[in-house]
Amino acid sequence: MNDNNNKDHIKLSLPNKPEFVSVARLTASSIASRVGFNIEDIEDIKVAIGEACTNAIQHSSLNENDSYEIEFILDIDKLIINIRDKGNGKCKKDIKTPNVEELKESGLGLFIIKTLMDEVECISCEDKGTEIRMVKRIEVGV
């Protein structure tokens, strides 16, 4: 069991509006920089959180006045980011490589997140929303 009591937690609640995704990206960038990530990893984190927030907005409740939550957990060697929406709780349990012949304009978000982050977990509870948990480890001595 992880002891999260000794770790710094930062929580953010954002409206279900696309124009606020940049707030999440800038916040993630500032936190990742403060923790000690290199520029390449910070850019990966920004793209991943942007995709996850876009998913939260698209799959969340249709009420623009509603919100979704972002939690940053700062550990010695990693950054954990949890994004929770209040949607209907549908999430693919297994994130697979998409079939090139079936590519659409949307539907690549989770695959992109999985490619950029070290760990990705998607947890859904029907009618209670979805949580995407992303972990990025700090590369020491590179």
Protein backbone atom coordinates (compact mmCIF):
# COMPACT_ATOMS: atom_id res chain seq x y z
CA MET A 1 0.00 0.00 0.00
CA ASN A 2 1.31 3.45 -0.89
CA ASP A 3 1.57 6.03 1.86
CA ASN A 4 0.32 9.22 0.22
CA ASN A 5 0.38 11.17 3.51
CA ASN A 6 4.00 12.29 3.09
CA LYS A 7 3.52 13.46 -0.49
CA ASP A 8 2.42 16.88 -1.64
CA HIS A 9 -1.06 16.95 -3.19
CA ILE A 10 -2.38 19.67 -5.46
CA LYS A 11 -6.06 19.58 -6.47
CA LEU A 12 -7.73 21.54 -9.22
CA SER A 13 -11.37 21.69 -10.29
CA LEU A 14 -12.02 22.90 -13.84
CA PRO A 15 -15.26 23.64 -15.72
CA ASN A 16 -16.35 21.25 -18.49
CA LYS A 17 -15.22 23.77 -21.10
CA PRO A 18 -12.42 23.24 -23.65
CA GLU A 19 -11.01 26.72 -23.07
CA PHE A 20 -9.84 25.63 -19.59
CA VAL A 21 -7.67 22.72 -20.82
CA SER A 22 -4.80 25.20 -21.19
CA VAL A 23 -5.05 25.92 -17.44
CA ALA A 24 -4.49 22.22 -16.74
CA ARG A 25 -1.57 22.07 -19.18
CA LEU A 26 0.12 25.16 -17.69
CA THR A 27 -0.41 23.90 -14.14
CA ALA A 28 1.04 20.50 -15.04
CA SER A 29 4.00 22.19 -16.72
CA SER A 30 4.74 24.31 -13.65
CA ILE A 31 4.47 21.37 -11.27
CA ALA A 32 6.58 19.08 -13.46
CA SER A 33 9.25 21.77 -13.75
CA ARG A 34 9.24 22.28 -9.98
CA VAL A 35 9.61 18.53 -9.37
CA GLY A 36 12.63 18.38 -11.70
CA PHE A 37 11.48 16.90 -15.00
CA ASN A 38 13.45 17.70 -18.15
CA ILE A 39 11.90 19.71 -21.00
CA GLU A 40 11.02 16.63 -23.10
CA ASP A 41 9.18 14.98 -20.20
CA ILE A 42 7.37 18.22 -19.37
CA GLU A 43 6.12 18.43 -22.97
CA ASP A 44 4.97 14.78 -22.79
CA ILE A 45 3.10 15.49 -19.55
CA LYS A 46 1.45 18.57 -21.08
CA VAL A 47 0.23 16.61 -24.11
CA ALA A 48 -0.98 13.71 -21.95
CA ILE A 49 -2.90 15.93 -19.54
CA GLY A 50 -4.41 17.86 -22.45
CA GLU A 51 -5.68 14.60 -23.98
CA ALA A 52 -7.01 13.36 -20.62
CA CYS A 53 -8.82 16.64 -19.94
CA THR A 54 -10.32 16.65 -23.43
CA ASN A 55 -11.57 13.10 -22.80
CA ALA A 56 -13.02 14.18 -19.45
CA ILE A 57 -14.89 17.05 -21.11
CA GLN A 58 -16.16 14.93 -24.03
CA HIS A 59 -17.24 11.96 -21.93
CA SER A 60 -18.38 13.83 -18.85
CA SER A 61 -21.85 15.13 -18.18
CA LEU A 62 -23.14 17.42 -20.90
CA ASN A 63 -23.69 20.18 -18.36
CA GLU A 64 -21.20 23.00 -19.05
CA ASN A 65 -21.67 24.18 -15.47
CA ASP A 66 -20.30 20.87 -14.19
CA SER A 67 -16.61 20.29 -13.58
CA TYR A 68 -13.90 17.65 -13.49
CA GLU A 69 -11.14 17.20 -10.95
CA ILE A 70 -7.37 16.97 -11.40
CA GLU A 71 -5.12 15.77 -8.60
CA PHE A 72 -1.34 15.98 -8.75
CA ILE A 73 0.60 13.82 -6.28
CA LEU A 74 4.27 14.74 -6.02
CA ASP A 75 6.55 11.88 -5.04
CA ILE A 76 10.34 11.77 -4.77
CA ASP A 77 10.81 9.98 -8.09
CA LYS A 78 7.50 10.45 -9.92
CA LEU A 79 4.48 12.59 -10.59
CA ILE A 80 1.03 11.00 -10.34
CA ILE A 81 -1.88 12.73 -12.07
CA ASN A 82 -5.49 11.66 -11.49
CA ILE A 83 -8.28 13.13 -13.62
CA ARG A 84 -11.87 12.38 -12.54
CA ASP A 85 -14.99 13.26 -14.49
CA LYS A 86 -18.66 12.91 -13.58
CA GLY A 87 -19.75 11.15 -16.75
CA ASN A 88 -21.45 7.81 -17.30
CA GLY A 89 -18.34 5.81 -16.46
CA LYS A 90 -17.37 4.18 -19.71
CA CYS A 91 -13.68 3.53 -20.24
CA LYS A 92 -11.72 0.98 -22.21
CA LYS A 93 -10.05 -1.36 -19.73
CA ASP A 94 -7.36 -2.40 -22.19
CA ILE A 95 -5.66 0.38 -24.13
CA LYS A 96 -4.57 -1.18 -27.40
CA THR A 97 -2.62 0.07 -30.39
CA PRO A 98 -5.20 1.40 -32.86
CA ASN A 99 -5.68 -0.24 -36.24
CA VAL A 100 -4.30 2.18 -38.86
CA GLU A 101 -7.06 1.24 -41.30
CA GLU A 102 -9.74 2.17 -38.77
CA LEU A 103 -8.32 5.53 -37.67
CA LYS A 104 -10.85 8.26 -37.06
CA GLU A 105 -10.44 11.88 -36.14
CA SER A 106 -11.02 11.00 -32.50
CA GLY A 107 -10.36 7.96 -30.35
CA LEU A 108 -6.57 8.15 -30.05
CA GLY A 109 -6.43 10.03 -26.74
CA LEU A 110 -5.84 7.08 -24.41
CA PHE A 111 -3.31 5.56 -26.79
CA ILE A 112 -1.39 8.85 -26.93
CA ILE A 113 -1.47 9.13 -23.13
CA LYS A 114 -0.21 5.55 -22.75
CA THR A 115 2.61 6.26 -25.20
CA LEU A 116 3.78 9.40 -23.35
CA MET A 117 3.41 8.32 -19.72
CA ASP A 118 5.09 5.48 -17.80
CA GLU A 119 1.85 4.09 -16.35
CA VAL A 120 -1.77 4.68 -17.30
CA GLU A 121 -4.84 3.22 -15.64
CA CYS A 122 -8.45 3.90 -16.49
CA ILE A 123 -11.06 3.20 -13.80
CA SER A 124 -14.78 3.53 -14.49
CA CYS A 125 -17.84 3.14 -12.33
CA GLU A 126 -21.06 3.09 -14.29
CA ASP A 127 -22.99 6.32 -13.77
CA LYS A 128 -20.27 7.60 -11.39
CA GLY A 129 -17.64 8.77 -13.84
CA THR A 130 -14.18 7.81 -14.97
CA GLU A 131 -10.74 8.32 -13.48
CA ILE A 132 -7.57 8.30 -15.54
CA ARG A 133 -4.45 7.75 -13.44
CA MET A 134 -1.16 8.68 -15.12
CA VAL A 135 2.35 8.27 -13.72
CA LYS A 136 5.56 9.80 -15.05
CA ARG A 137 8.84 8.85 -13.41
CA ILE A 138 11.75 11.24 -13.15
CA GLU A 139 14.81 9.93 -14.95
CA VAL A 140 17.74 10.41 -12.60
CA GLY A 141 21.25 10.91 -13.92
CA VAL A 142 20.37 11.14 -17.61
